[in-house]
């Protein structure tokens, strides 16, 4: 999968500063790790008798559900615009969605950052591009690029995760800088908050979606 060209390097918040940075958004890191644990269990319960997409889908469903439930205990509430499951901050202009990412996820020194592991749809495109339209107006007014020491910029953020084969699940909470609706892909990131990789305590179970997301399949008419 080709990586879209990003015009400006993102602001990168390293693992040592990630918890404090996310605390400014009322996102507790333990809510994310609990969601990862739930997703690992759900994916691990899938066998080869299930559809090939089942492990990745089961992981995503559990991660989304547990994360939204935990965030609802803080300053967030669940919302479903165009049936896209998100959490929305109750007093500030933040939303948070969850997406599986490519192997660049959580790699602090990657020059561009991750793509979505699978093509995203119109609702994601609208969420990103509507925010960017507002950001562009602020840019014209002279608003500077966000920096590490500043309050996280408002917008539609994404928890991006990638379950590797041998290094656990890499994680970041990041704010896109662009989205190509035709390609169904992020084109870059404004801010990337890199979290420490999450490791399961169970080293014997190997879910079927390790090393990437579930497999795409195509329905073809039989002649």
N, C-alpha and C. Protein backbone atom coordinates (compact mmCIF):
# COMPACT_ATOMS: atom_id res chain seq x y z
N UNK A 1 0.85 -1.20 0.00
CA UNK A 1 0.00 0.00 0.00
C UNK A 1 0.88 1.24 0.00
N UNK A 2 0.71 2.12 -0.99
CA UNK A 2 1.53 3.31 -1.08
C UNK A 2 1.16 4.30 0.01
N UNK A 3 2.18 4.95 0.55
CA UNK A 3 1.96 5.95 1.59
C UNK A 3 1.75 7.31 0.94
N UNK A 4 0.60 7.99 1.19
CA UNK A 4 0.41 9.33 0.64
C UNK A 4 1.50 10.27 1.15
N UNK A 5 1.87 11.23 0.31
CA UNK A 5 2.92 12.18 0.68
C UNK A 5 2.38 13.19 1.68
N UNK A 6 3.10 13.36 2.78
CA UNK A 6 2.71 14.34 3.80
C UNK A 6 3.59 15.57 3.66
N UNK A 7 2.95 16.75 3.59
CA UNK A 7 3.69 17.97 3.33
C UNK A 7 4.48 18.44 4.55
N UNK A 8 3.94 18.25 5.76
CA UNK A 8 4.60 18.75 6.96
C UNK A 8 4.74 17.61 7.97
N UNK A 9 5.89 17.58 8.63
CA UNK A 9 6.11 16.55 9.64
C UNK A 9 5.19 16.78 10.83
N UNK A 10 4.65 15.71 11.41
CA UNK A 10 3.76 15.86 12.56
C UNK A 10 4.52 16.24 13.83
N UNK A 11 3.82 16.82 14.77
CA UNK A 11 4.33 16.95 16.13
C UNK A 11 4.23 15.57 16.76
N UNK A 12 5.32 15.07 17.32
CA UNK A 12 5.34 13.73 17.90
C UNK A 12 5.56 13.84 19.41
N UNK A 13 4.62 13.29 20.16
CA UNK A 13 4.72 13.21 21.62
C UNK A 13 5.18 11.80 21.96
N UNK A 14 6.35 11.67 22.58
CA UNK A 14 6.90 10.36 22.85
C UNK A 14 6.22 9.65 24.01
N UNK A 15 6.52 8.36 24.18
CA UNK A 15 5.88 7.57 25.25
C UNK A 15 6.07 8.16 26.64
N UNK A 16 7.19 8.81 26.89
CA UNK A 16 7.43 9.38 28.21
C UNK A 16 6.53 10.56 28.55
N UNK A 17 6.00 11.23 27.54
CA UNK A 17 5.13 12.39 27.74
C UNK A 17 3.68 12.11 27.40
N UNK A 18 3.42 10.90 26.88
CA UNK A 18 2.10 10.60 26.33
C UNK A 18 0.99 10.70 27.37
N UNK A 19 1.20 10.10 28.54
CA UNK A 19 0.14 10.07 29.56
C UNK A 19 -0.25 11.47 29.99
N UNK A 20 0.74 12.34 30.21
CA UNK A 20 0.45 13.71 30.63
C UNK A 20 -0.26 14.48 29.52
N UNK A 21 0.16 14.27 28.29
CA UNK A 21 -0.47 14.97 27.16
C UNK A 21 -1.93 14.55 27.03
N UNK A 22 -2.19 13.24 27.11
CA UNK A 22 -3.56 12.74 26.98
C UNK A 22 -4.42 13.14 28.18
N UNK A 23 -3.79 13.32 29.34
CA UNK A 23 -4.53 13.75 30.52
C UNK A 23 -5.18 15.12 30.27
N UNK A 24 -4.56 15.94 29.46
CA UNK A 24 -5.15 17.24 29.13
C UNK A 24 -6.44 17.09 28.33
N UNK A 25 -6.61 15.92 27.70
CA UNK A 25 -7.83 15.63 26.94
C UNK A 25 -8.80 14.76 27.74
N UNK A 26 -8.46 14.49 29.00
CA UNK A 26 -9.26 13.61 29.87
C UNK A 26 -9.32 12.19 29.32
N UNK A 27 -8.20 11.73 28.75
CA UNK A 27 -8.09 10.34 28.28
C UNK A 27 -7.11 9.61 29.20
N UNK A 28 -7.60 8.73 30.09
CA UNK A 28 -6.68 7.96 30.94
C UNK A 28 -6.06 6.82 30.14
N UNK A 29 -4.75 6.67 30.25
CA UNK A 29 -4.07 5.63 29.48
C UNK A 29 -4.56 4.24 29.88
N UNK A 30 -4.94 4.05 31.15
CA UNK A 30 -5.40 2.71 31.54
C UNK A 30 -6.72 2.34 30.86
N UNK A 31 -7.50 3.33 30.42
CA UNK A 31 -8.70 3.01 29.64
C UNK A 31 -8.31 2.39 28.31
N UNK A 32 -7.23 2.88 27.72
CA UNK A 32 -6.75 2.33 26.45
C UNK A 32 -6.19 0.93 26.65
N UNK A 33 -5.40 0.73 27.70
CA UNK A 33 -4.82 -0.60 27.91
C UNK A 33 -5.88 -1.64 28.25
N UNK A 34 -6.91 -1.24 29.00
CA UNK A 34 -8.01 -2.17 29.27
C UNK A 34 -8.72 -2.55 27.98
N UNK A 35 -8.90 -1.59 27.10
CA UNK A 35 -9.54 -1.87 25.82
C UNK A 35 -8.68 -2.82 24.98
N UNK A 36 -7.36 -2.64 25.03
CA UNK A 36 -6.47 -3.53 24.28
C UNK A 36 -6.56 -4.96 24.81
N UNK A 37 -6.62 -5.09 26.13
CA UNK A 37 -6.73 -6.43 26.73
C UNK A 37 -8.03 -7.11 26.31
N UNK A 38 -9.12 -6.36 26.30
CA UNK A 38 -10.40 -6.92 25.88
C UNK A 38 -10.36 -7.35 24.42
N UNK A 39 -9.73 -6.53 23.59
CA UNK A 39 -9.62 -6.88 22.18
C UNK A 39 -8.78 -8.12 21.94
N UNK A 40 -7.71 -8.27 22.72
CA UNK A 40 -6.85 -9.45 22.58
C UNK A 40 -7.61 -10.72 22.93
N UNK A 41 -8.40 -10.67 23.99
CA UNK A 41 -9.20 -11.84 24.38
C UNK A 41 -10.22 -12.17 23.30
N UNK A 42 -10.89 -11.15 22.80
CA UNK A 42 -11.92 -11.39 21.78
C UNK A 42 -11.32 -11.99 20.52
N UNK A 43 -10.19 -11.45 20.07
CA UNK A 43 -9.55 -11.99 18.87
C UNK A 43 -9.02 -13.40 19.11
N UNK A 44 -8.54 -13.65 20.33
CA UNK A 44 -8.02 -14.97 20.65
C UNK A 44 -9.07 -16.06 20.71
N UNK A 45 -10.33 -15.67 20.87
CA UNK A 45 -11.42 -16.65 20.90
C UNK A 45 -11.88 -17.07 19.51
N UNK A 46 -11.35 -16.43 18.48
CA UNK A 46 -11.73 -16.75 17.11
C UNK A 46 -10.86 -17.90 16.59
N UNK A 47 -11.48 -18.84 15.91
CA UNK A 47 -10.77 -19.99 15.35
C UNK A 47 -10.82 -19.95 13.83
N UNK A 48 -10.14 -20.90 13.22
CA UNK A 48 -10.13 -20.98 11.75
C UNK A 48 -11.48 -21.36 11.19
N UNK A 49 -12.42 -21.78 12.05
CA UNK A 49 -13.77 -22.10 11.58
C UNK A 49 -14.61 -20.84 11.38
N UNK A 50 -14.19 -19.74 11.98
CA UNK A 50 -14.89 -18.48 11.80
C UNK A 50 -14.53 -17.86 10.45
N UNK A 51 -15.30 -16.87 9.98
CA UNK A 51 -14.92 -16.16 8.76
C UNK A 51 -13.54 -15.53 8.90
N UNK A 52 -12.85 -15.36 7.77
CA UNK A 52 -11.47 -14.88 7.82
C UNK A 52 -11.36 -13.47 8.39
N UNK A 53 -12.43 -12.72 8.33
CA UNK A 53 -12.40 -11.36 8.88
C UNK A 53 -12.71 -11.30 10.37
N UNK A 54 -13.02 -12.44 10.98
CA UNK A 54 -13.62 -12.44 12.32
C UNK A 54 -12.66 -11.95 13.40
N UNK A 55 -11.40 -12.37 13.37
CA UNK A 55 -10.48 -12.01 14.46
C UNK A 55 -10.27 -10.50 14.53
N UNK A 56 -9.98 -9.89 13.39
CA UNK A 56 -9.78 -8.45 13.38
C UNK A 56 -11.03 -7.68 13.75
N UNK A 57 -12.18 -8.17 13.28
CA UNK A 57 -13.44 -7.50 13.60
C UNK A 57 -13.78 -7.64 15.07
N UNK A 58 -13.58 -8.86 15.62
CA UNK A 58 -13.86 -9.08 17.04
C UNK A 58 -12.97 -8.21 17.92
N UNK A 59 -11.71 -8.08 17.54
CA UNK A 59 -10.80 -7.22 18.30
C UNK A 59 -11.30 -5.78 18.28
N UNK A 60 -11.61 -5.28 17.09
CA UNK A 60 -12.04 -3.88 16.97
C UNK A 60 -13.32 -3.61 17.75
N UNK A 61 -14.30 -4.51 17.66
CA UNK A 61 -15.56 -4.33 18.38
C UNK A 61 -15.32 -4.24 19.88
N UNK A 62 -14.49 -5.12 20.41
CA UNK A 62 -14.23 -5.13 21.85
C UNK A 62 -13.44 -3.90 22.29
N UNK A 63 -12.45 -3.52 21.49
CA UNK A 63 -11.68 -2.31 21.82
C UNK A 63 -12.59 -1.09 21.87
N UNK A 64 -13.43 -0.94 20.85
CA UNK A 64 -14.35 0.20 20.79
C UNK A 64 -15.29 0.21 21.99
N UNK A 65 -15.88 -0.95 22.29
CA UNK A 65 -16.86 -1.02 23.37
C UNK A 65 -16.28 -0.70 24.73
N UNK A 66 -15.14 -1.31 25.04
CA UNK A 66 -14.53 -1.10 26.35
C UNK A 66 -13.99 0.33 26.47
N UNK A 67 -13.37 0.83 25.41
CA UNK A 67 -12.85 2.19 25.47
C UNK A 67 -13.96 3.21 25.68
N UNK A 68 -15.05 3.07 24.95
CA UNK A 68 -16.15 4.04 25.10
C UNK A 68 -16.79 3.94 26.49
N UNK A 69 -16.87 2.72 27.01
CA UNK A 69 -17.43 2.54 28.35
C UNK A 69 -16.54 3.20 29.40
N UNK A 70 -15.23 3.00 29.28
CA UNK A 70 -14.31 3.61 30.26
C UNK A 70 -14.30 5.13 30.14
N UNK A 71 -14.31 5.64 28.91
CA UNK A 71 -14.30 7.09 28.74
C UNK A 71 -15.58 7.73 29.25
N UNK A 72 -16.67 6.98 29.22
CA UNK A 72 -17.95 7.51 29.72
C UNK A 72 -17.91 7.79 31.22
N UNK A 73 -16.92 7.23 31.91
CA UNK A 73 -16.75 7.50 33.34
C UNK A 73 -16.03 8.83 33.57
N UNK A 74 -15.55 9.46 32.50
CA UNK A 74 -14.81 10.72 32.64
C UNK A 74 -15.62 11.84 31.99
N UNK A 75 -14.99 12.59 31.11
CA UNK A 75 -15.65 13.75 30.49
C UNK A 75 -16.09 13.47 29.06
N UNK A 76 -16.34 12.20 28.76
CA UNK A 76 -16.70 11.81 27.41
C UNK A 76 -18.06 11.11 27.40
N UNK A 77 -18.71 11.15 26.24
CA UNK A 77 -19.96 10.41 26.07
C UNK A 77 -19.94 9.74 24.70
N UNK A 78 -20.59 8.56 24.58
CA UNK A 78 -20.61 7.87 23.29
C UNK A 78 -21.53 8.58 22.30
N UNK A 79 -21.16 8.51 21.03
CA UNK A 79 -21.98 9.07 19.97
C UNK A 79 -21.78 8.21 18.72
N UNK A 80 -22.74 8.30 17.79
CA UNK A 80 -22.69 7.44 16.61
C UNK A 80 -23.08 8.21 15.35
N UNK A 81 -22.32 9.23 14.98
CA UNK A 81 -22.65 9.98 13.77
C UNK A 81 -22.48 9.11 12.52
N UNK A 82 -23.52 9.06 11.69
CA UNK A 82 -23.51 8.21 10.50
C UNK A 82 -23.13 6.77 10.85
N UNK A 83 -23.56 6.33 12.04
CA UNK A 83 -23.30 4.97 12.54
C UNK A 83 -21.81 4.70 12.79
N UNK A 84 -20.99 5.73 12.90
CA UNK A 84 -19.57 5.56 13.20
C UNK A 84 -19.40 5.72 14.71
N UNK A 85 -18.95 4.67 15.41
CA UNK A 85 -18.88 4.73 16.88
C UNK A 85 -17.72 5.60 17.35
N UNK A 86 -18.04 6.68 18.04
CA UNK A 86 -17.02 7.58 18.55
C UNK A 86 -17.32 7.90 20.01
N UNK A 87 -16.36 8.54 20.64
CA UNK A 87 -16.59 9.20 21.93
C UNK A 87 -16.43 10.69 21.70
N UNK A 88 -17.27 11.48 22.36
CA UNK A 88 -17.27 12.92 22.18
C UNK A 88 -17.10 13.60 23.53
N UNK A 89 -16.13 14.50 23.62
CA UNK A 89 -15.90 15.21 24.88
C UNK A 89 -17.10 16.10 25.18
N UNK A 90 -17.51 16.12 26.43
CA UNK A 90 -18.76 16.81 26.78
C UNK A 90 -18.63 18.33 26.81
N UNK A 91 -17.42 18.84 26.97
CA UNK A 91 -17.28 20.30 27.09
C UNK A 91 -16.27 20.89 26.11
N UNK A 92 -15.51 20.06 25.43
CA UNK A 92 -14.48 20.56 24.52
C UNK A 92 -14.62 19.90 23.15
N UNK A 93 -13.95 20.45 22.16
CA UNK A 93 -14.16 20.01 20.79
C UNK A 93 -13.31 18.82 20.38
N UNK A 94 -13.30 17.78 21.21
CA UNK A 94 -12.58 16.55 20.89
C UNK A 94 -13.56 15.43 20.58
N UNK A 95 -13.23 14.62 19.57
CA UNK A 95 -13.85 13.30 19.43
C UNK A 95 -12.72 12.28 19.33
N UNK A 96 -13.05 11.02 19.63
CA UNK A 96 -12.06 9.95 19.56
C UNK A 96 -12.70 8.73 18.91
N UNK A 97 -12.06 8.26 17.84
CA UNK A 97 -12.48 7.05 17.13
C UNK A 97 -11.37 6.01 17.25
N UNK A 98 -11.66 4.79 16.86
CA UNK A 98 -10.69 3.69 16.94
C UNK A 98 -10.51 3.06 15.57
N UNK A 99 -9.26 2.84 15.18
CA UNK A 99 -8.98 2.25 13.87
C UNK A 99 -7.73 1.39 13.95
N UNK A 100 -7.76 0.25 13.26
CA UNK A 100 -6.56 -0.56 13.11
C UNK A 100 -5.62 0.10 12.12
N UNK A 101 -4.32 0.05 12.41
CA UNK A 101 -3.34 0.72 11.56
C UNK A 101 -2.32 -0.23 10.97
N UNK A 102 -1.49 0.30 10.08
CA UNK A 102 -0.41 -0.46 9.47
C UNK A 102 0.78 -0.53 10.42
N UNK A 103 1.87 -1.16 9.94
CA UNK A 103 2.99 -1.42 10.85
C UNK A 103 3.77 -0.17 11.24
N UNK A 104 3.44 0.98 10.66
CA UNK A 104 4.07 2.23 11.11
C UNK A 104 3.43 2.75 12.40
N UNK A 105 2.34 2.14 12.83
CA UNK A 105 1.65 2.57 14.05
C UNK A 105 2.58 2.49 15.25
N UNK A 106 2.63 3.55 16.03
CA UNK A 106 3.42 3.54 17.25
C UNK A 106 4.91 3.62 17.05
N UNK A 107 5.38 3.83 15.82
CA UNK A 107 6.81 3.95 15.54
C UNK A 107 7.15 5.44 15.59
N UNK A 108 7.83 5.83 16.64
CA UNK A 108 8.01 7.25 16.94
C UNK A 108 8.75 7.99 15.84
N UNK A 109 9.76 7.37 15.24
CA UNK A 109 10.58 8.07 14.26
C UNK A 109 10.15 7.81 12.82
N UNK A 110 8.97 7.22 12.62
CA UNK A 110 8.51 7.02 11.25
C UNK A 110 8.23 8.38 10.62
N UNK A 111 8.70 8.63 9.39
CA UNK A 111 8.58 9.97 8.82
C UNK A 111 7.16 10.44 8.55
N UNK A 112 6.23 9.50 8.37
CA UNK A 112 4.87 9.90 8.02
C UNK A 112 3.80 9.36 8.95
N UNK A 113 4.06 8.25 9.60
CA UNK A 113 3.05 7.67 10.47
C UNK A 113 2.20 6.64 9.75
N UNK A 114 1.23 6.09 10.45
CA UNK A 114 0.48 4.94 9.92
C UNK A 114 -0.60 5.32 8.92
N UNK A 115 -0.98 4.32 8.15
CA UNK A 115 -2.22 4.35 7.38
C UNK A 115 -3.26 3.53 8.14
N UNK A 116 -4.51 3.65 7.74
CA UNK A 116 -5.52 2.71 8.22
C UNK A 116 -5.23 1.35 7.59
N UNK A 117 -5.39 0.29 8.36
CA UNK A 117 -5.11 -1.04 7.84
C UNK A 117 -6.08 -1.42 6.73
N UNK A 118 -7.28 -0.88 6.81
CA UNK A 118 -8.27 -1.11 5.77
C UNK A 118 -8.89 0.22 5.36
N UNK A 119 -9.33 0.26 4.13
CA UNK A 119 -9.90 1.49 3.57
C UNK A 119 -11.06 1.99 4.43
N UNK A 120 -11.07 3.28 4.72
CA UNK A 120 -12.13 3.88 5.52
C UNK A 120 -13.15 4.56 4.61
N UNK A 121 -14.35 4.76 5.14
CA UNK A 121 -15.46 5.22 4.33
C UNK A 121 -15.75 6.71 4.43
N UNK A 122 -16.91 7.06 3.90
CA UNK A 122 -17.30 8.46 3.77
C UNK A 122 -17.43 9.15 5.13
N UNK A 123 -17.93 8.43 6.13
CA UNK A 123 -18.13 9.07 7.43
C UNK A 123 -16.81 9.50 8.05
N UNK A 124 -15.76 8.67 7.88
CA UNK A 124 -14.44 9.05 8.38
C UNK A 124 -13.90 10.24 7.60
N UNK A 125 -14.07 10.20 6.28
CA UNK A 125 -13.61 11.31 5.45
C UNK A 125 -14.26 12.62 5.87
N UNK A 126 -15.57 12.59 6.11
CA UNK A 126 -16.27 13.80 6.52
C UNK A 126 -15.80 14.29 7.88
N UNK A 127 -15.56 13.34 8.80
CA UNK A 127 -15.10 13.73 10.14
C UNK A 127 -13.76 14.44 10.07
N UNK A 128 -12.84 13.90 9.27
CA UNK A 128 -11.51 14.51 9.17
C UNK A 128 -11.56 15.81 8.39
N UNK A 129 -12.18 15.79 7.23
CA UNK A 129 -12.14 16.95 6.35
C UNK A 129 -12.96 18.12 6.87
N UNK A 130 -14.04 17.85 7.60
CA UNK A 130 -14.80 18.95 8.20
C UNK A 130 -13.97 19.68 9.24
N UNK A 131 -13.20 18.91 10.02
CA UNK A 131 -12.31 19.52 11.00
C UNK A 131 -11.22 20.33 10.31
N UNK A 132 -10.67 19.78 9.23
CA UNK A 132 -9.59 20.46 8.53
C UNK A 132 -10.04 21.78 7.94
N UNK A 133 -11.31 21.85 7.52
CA UNK A 133 -11.82 23.11 6.99
C UNK A 133 -11.78 24.20 8.06
N UNK A 134 -12.13 23.82 9.31
CA UNK A 134 -12.07 24.79 10.41
C UNK A 134 -10.63 25.15 10.74
N UNK A 135 -9.75 24.15 10.70
CA UNK A 135 -8.34 24.41 11.00
C UNK A 135 -7.74 25.35 9.96
N UNK A 136 -8.13 25.16 8.69
CA UNK A 136 -7.61 26.01 7.62
C UNK A 136 -7.98 27.47 7.85
N UNK A 137 -9.20 27.72 8.34
CA UNK A 137 -9.61 29.08 8.65
C UNK A 137 -8.72 29.67 9.73
N UNK A 138 -8.46 28.86 10.78
CA UNK A 138 -7.61 29.35 11.86
C UNK A 138 -6.19 29.61 11.36
N UNK A 139 -5.72 28.76 10.42
CA UNK A 139 -4.38 28.95 9.87
C UNK A 139 -4.28 30.28 9.14
N UNK A 140 -5.33 30.61 8.37
CA UNK A 140 -5.35 31.89 7.66
C UNK A 140 -5.30 33.06 8.63
N UNK A 141 -5.81 32.84 9.83
CA UNK A 141 -5.79 33.90 10.84
C UNK A 141 -4.46 33.99 11.57
N UNK A 142 -3.54 33.08 11.22
CA UNK A 142 -2.22 33.16 11.80
C UNK A 142 -1.97 32.23 12.96
N UNK A 143 -2.85 31.25 13.21
CA UNK A 143 -2.64 30.31 14.31
C UNK A 143 -1.41 29.46 14.01
N UNK A 144 -0.47 29.33 14.95
CA UNK A 144 0.74 28.56 14.69
C UNK A 144 0.48 27.06 14.74
N UNK A 145 1.43 26.31 14.19
CA UNK A 145 1.38 24.85 14.27
C UNK A 145 1.48 24.43 15.73
N UNK A 146 0.70 23.39 16.16
CA UNK A 146 0.78 22.96 17.55
C UNK A 146 2.17 22.47 17.93
N UNK A 147 2.54 22.66 19.18
CA UNK A 147 3.83 22.20 19.68
C UNK A 147 3.62 21.30 20.88
N UNK A 148 4.71 20.62 21.28
CA UNK A 148 4.63 19.62 22.34
C UNK A 148 4.08 20.20 23.64
N UNK A 149 4.48 21.40 24.00
CA UNK A 149 4.10 21.96 25.28
C UNK A 149 2.73 22.59 25.34
N UNK A 150 2.01 22.60 24.23
CA UNK A 150 0.72 23.26 24.20
C UNK A 150 -0.43 22.29 24.49
N UNK A 151 -1.60 22.87 24.78
CA UNK A 151 -2.81 22.07 24.94
C UNK A 151 -3.11 21.36 23.62
N UNK A 152 -3.50 20.09 23.66
CA UNK A 152 -3.82 19.37 22.42
C UNK A 152 -4.88 20.10 21.61
N UNK A 153 -4.67 20.25 20.30
CA UNK A 153 -5.66 20.95 19.48
C UNK A 153 -6.96 20.17 19.39
N UNK A 154 -8.07 20.89 19.34
CA UNK A 154 -9.36 20.23 19.21
C UNK A 154 -9.50 19.64 17.81
N UNK A 155 -10.32 18.61 17.70
CA UNK A 155 -10.52 17.95 16.42
C UNK A 155 -10.92 16.51 16.61
N UNK A 156 -10.98 15.77 15.51
CA UNK A 156 -11.37 14.36 15.52
C UNK A 156 -10.13 13.48 15.58
N UNK A 157 -9.83 13.01 16.77
CA UNK A 157 -8.65 12.20 17.04
C UNK A 157 -8.96 10.72 16.83
N UNK A 158 -7.88 9.93 16.66
CA UNK A 158 -8.03 8.49 16.44
C UNK A 158 -7.07 7.72 17.33
N UNK A 159 -7.60 6.70 18.00
CA UNK A 159 -6.74 5.68 18.62
C UNK A 159 -6.40 4.69 17.52
N UNK A 160 -5.12 4.59 17.19
CA UNK A 160 -4.65 3.69 16.13
C UNK A 160 -3.85 2.57 16.79
N UNK A 161 -4.16 1.33 16.45
CA UNK A 161 -3.45 0.19 17.04
C UNK A 161 -3.01 -0.78 15.95
N UNK A 162 -1.93 -1.49 16.22
CA UNK A 162 -1.43 -2.52 15.30
C UNK A 162 -0.88 -3.67 16.12
N UNK A 163 -1.50 -4.84 15.98
CA UNK A 163 -1.06 -6.04 16.70
C UNK A 163 0.06 -6.69 15.91
N UNK A 164 1.29 -6.56 16.41
CA UNK A 164 2.45 -7.12 15.73
C UNK A 164 2.57 -8.61 16.02
N UNK A 165 3.49 -9.25 15.33
CA UNK A 165 3.71 -10.68 15.57
C UNK A 165 4.48 -10.94 16.86
N UNK A 166 5.45 -10.09 17.14
CA UNK A 166 6.34 -10.40 18.26
C UNK A 166 6.55 -9.25 19.24
N UNK A 167 5.99 -8.08 18.97
CA UNK A 167 6.24 -6.91 19.82
C UNK A 167 4.99 -6.39 20.49
N UNK A 168 3.98 -7.21 20.65
CA UNK A 168 2.75 -6.76 21.27
C UNK A 168 1.94 -5.87 20.34
N UNK A 169 1.14 -5.00 20.94
CA UNK A 169 0.28 -4.10 20.16
C UNK A 169 0.83 -2.69 20.25
N UNK A 170 1.20 -2.13 19.11
CA UNK A 170 1.70 -0.76 19.07
C UNK A 170 0.52 0.20 19.01
N UNK A 171 0.67 1.35 19.67
CA UNK A 171 -0.47 2.26 19.88
C UNK A 171 -0.07 3.71 19.69
N UNK A 172 -1.02 4.49 19.21
CA UNK A 172 -0.88 5.94 19.24
C UNK A 172 -2.27 6.57 19.22
N UNK A 173 -2.37 7.76 19.78
CA UNK A 173 -3.58 8.58 19.70
C UNK A 173 -3.19 9.80 18.88
N UNK A 174 -3.78 9.93 17.69
CA UNK A 174 -3.25 10.90 16.73
C UNK A 174 -4.35 11.69 16.04
N UNK A 175 -3.97 12.89 15.60
CA UNK A 175 -4.89 13.82 14.95
C UNK A 175 -4.49 13.94 13.48
N UNK A 176 -5.37 13.56 12.55
CA UNK A 176 -5.01 13.59 11.13
C UNK A 176 -4.79 15.00 10.60
N UNK A 177 -3.94 15.09 9.57
CA UNK A 177 -3.77 16.35 8.85
C UNK A 177 -4.44 16.33 7.50
N UNK A 178 -4.94 15.16 7.10
CA UNK A 178 -5.61 15.08 5.80
C UNK A 178 -6.19 13.70 5.58
N UNK A 179 -7.12 13.62 4.64
CA UNK A 179 -7.77 12.35 4.31
C UNK A 179 -8.14 12.37 2.83
N UNK A 180 -7.76 11.31 2.12
CA UNK A 180 -8.09 11.14 0.70
C UNK A 180 -9.33 10.27 0.61
N UNK A 181 -10.47 10.89 0.30
CA UNK A 181 -11.72 10.13 0.30
C UNK A 181 -11.73 9.06 -0.78
N UNK A 182 -11.12 9.33 -1.93
CA UNK A 182 -11.10 8.35 -3.01
C UNK A 182 -10.30 7.12 -2.61
N UNK A 183 -9.16 7.33 -1.97
CA UNK A 183 -8.32 6.21 -1.53
C UNK A 183 -8.81 5.61 -0.22
N UNK A 184 -9.64 6.35 0.52
CA UNK A 184 -10.10 5.86 1.82
C UNK A 184 -9.00 5.83 2.86
N UNK A 185 -8.05 6.79 2.76
CA UNK A 185 -6.87 6.75 3.61
C UNK A 185 -6.51 8.12 4.19
N UNK A 186 -5.93 8.07 5.38
CA UNK A 186 -5.30 9.26 5.96
C UNK A 186 -4.10 9.64 5.08
N UNK A 187 -3.88 10.93 4.93
CA UNK A 187 -2.73 11.39 4.15
C UNK A 187 -1.62 11.96 5.02
N UNK A 188 -1.83 12.01 6.31
CA UNK A 188 -0.81 12.50 7.21
C UNK A 188 -1.41 12.83 8.56
N UNK A 189 -0.55 13.34 9.46
CA UNK A 189 -0.96 13.58 10.84
C UNK A 189 -0.43 14.92 11.31
N UNK A 190 -1.26 15.63 12.07
CA UNK A 190 -0.81 16.86 12.72
C UNK A 190 -0.05 16.56 14.00
N UNK A 191 -0.63 15.68 14.82
CA UNK A 191 -0.03 15.32 16.11
C UNK A 191 -0.11 13.81 16.25
N UNK A 192 0.99 13.20 16.68
CA UNK A 192 1.02 11.76 16.98
C UNK A 192 1.47 11.59 18.43
N UNK A 193 0.63 10.98 19.24
CA UNK A 193 0.95 10.71 20.64
C UNK A 193 1.26 9.23 20.74
N UNK A 194 2.54 8.91 20.90
CA UNK A 194 3.00 7.52 20.87
C UNK A 194 2.94 6.93 22.27
N UNK A 195 2.19 5.85 22.41
CA UNK A 195 2.08 5.16 23.70
C UNK A 195 3.03 3.98 23.75
N UNK A 196 3.42 3.53 24.94
CA UNK A 196 4.20 2.30 25.03
C UNK A 196 3.42 1.13 24.44
N UNK A 197 4.12 0.20 23.81
CA UNK A 197 3.45 -0.98 23.27
C UNK A 197 2.76 -1.75 24.39
N UNK A 198 1.59 -2.29 24.07
CA UNK A 198 0.86 -3.09 25.06
C UNK A 198 1.19 -4.56 24.84
N UNK A 199 1.54 -5.25 25.93
CA UNK A 199 1.90 -6.67 25.87
C UNK A 199 0.88 -7.49 26.65
N UNK A 200 0.37 -8.54 26.03
CA UNK A 200 -0.53 -9.46 26.71
C UNK A 200 0.25 -10.32 27.70
N UNK A 201 -0.37 -10.62 28.83
CA UNK A 201 0.26 -11.53 29.79
C UNK A 201 0.20 -12.97 29.31
N UNK A 202 -0.71 -13.26 28.41
CA UNK A 202 -0.84 -14.61 27.85
C UNK A 202 0.07 -14.72 26.63
N UNK A 203 1.16 -15.45 26.79
CA UNK A 203 2.12 -15.59 25.70
C UNK A 203 1.89 -16.85 24.87
N UNK A 204 0.87 -17.62 25.21
CA UNK A 204 0.62 -18.88 24.49
C UNK A 204 -0.41 -18.72 23.39
N UNK A 205 -1.41 -17.85 23.60
CA UNK A 205 -2.46 -17.65 22.60
C UNK A 205 -1.97 -16.69 21.52
N UNK A 206 -2.18 -17.08 20.27
CA UNK A 206 -1.75 -16.24 19.14
C UNK A 206 -2.97 -15.97 18.26
N UNK A 207 -3.64 -14.85 18.46
CA UNK A 207 -4.83 -14.55 17.66
C UNK A 207 -4.53 -14.56 16.17
N UNK A 208 -5.56 -14.82 15.39
CA UNK A 208 -5.38 -14.99 13.95
C UNK A 208 -5.09 -13.69 13.22
N UNK A 209 -5.29 -12.54 13.87
CA UNK A 209 -5.04 -11.27 13.18
C UNK A 209 -3.69 -10.66 13.53
N UNK A 210 -2.79 -11.41 14.15
CA UNK A 210 -1.48 -10.85 14.46
C UNK A 210 -0.74 -10.52 13.17
N UNK A 211 0.07 -9.46 13.24
CA UNK A 211 0.81 -9.05 12.06
C UNK A 211 0.01 -8.20 11.11
N UNK A 212 -1.22 -7.87 11.46
CA UNK A 212 -2.04 -7.06 10.58
C UNK A 212 -3.50 -7.23 10.90
N UNK A 213 -4.32 -6.67 10.04
CA UNK A 213 -5.76 -6.73 10.25
C UNK A 213 -6.35 -7.93 9.55
N UNK A 214 -7.67 -8.05 9.68
CA UNK A 214 -8.38 -9.12 9.02
C UNK A 214 -8.26 -8.99 7.51
N UNK A 215 -8.55 -10.07 6.81
CA UNK A 215 -8.35 -10.15 5.38
C UNK A 215 -9.58 -9.63 4.65
N UNK A 216 -9.36 -8.79 3.63
CA UNK A 216 -10.48 -8.36 2.80
C UNK A 216 -10.97 -9.54 1.96
N UNK A 217 -12.26 -9.60 1.72
CA UNK A 217 -12.77 -10.60 0.80
C UNK A 217 -13.75 -9.95 -0.16
N UNK A 218 -13.91 -10.54 -1.32
CA UNK A 218 -14.74 -9.98 -2.37
C UNK A 218 -15.80 -10.98 -2.76
N UNK A 219 -17.02 -10.51 -2.95
CA UNK A 219 -18.12 -11.36 -3.38
C UNK A 219 -18.13 -11.37 -4.90
N UNK A 220 -18.07 -12.55 -5.49
CA UNK A 220 -18.04 -12.67 -6.94
C UNK A 220 -19.18 -13.56 -7.40
N UNK A 221 -19.90 -13.12 -8.40
CA UNK A 221 -21.02 -13.90 -8.91
C UNK A 221 -20.50 -15.14 -9.62
N UNK A 222 -21.10 -16.28 -9.32
CA UNK A 222 -20.70 -17.54 -9.95
C UNK A 222 -21.43 -17.68 -11.27
N UNK A 223 -20.68 -17.89 -12.33
CA UNK A 223 -21.31 -18.00 -13.66
C UNK A 223 -21.82 -19.41 -13.91
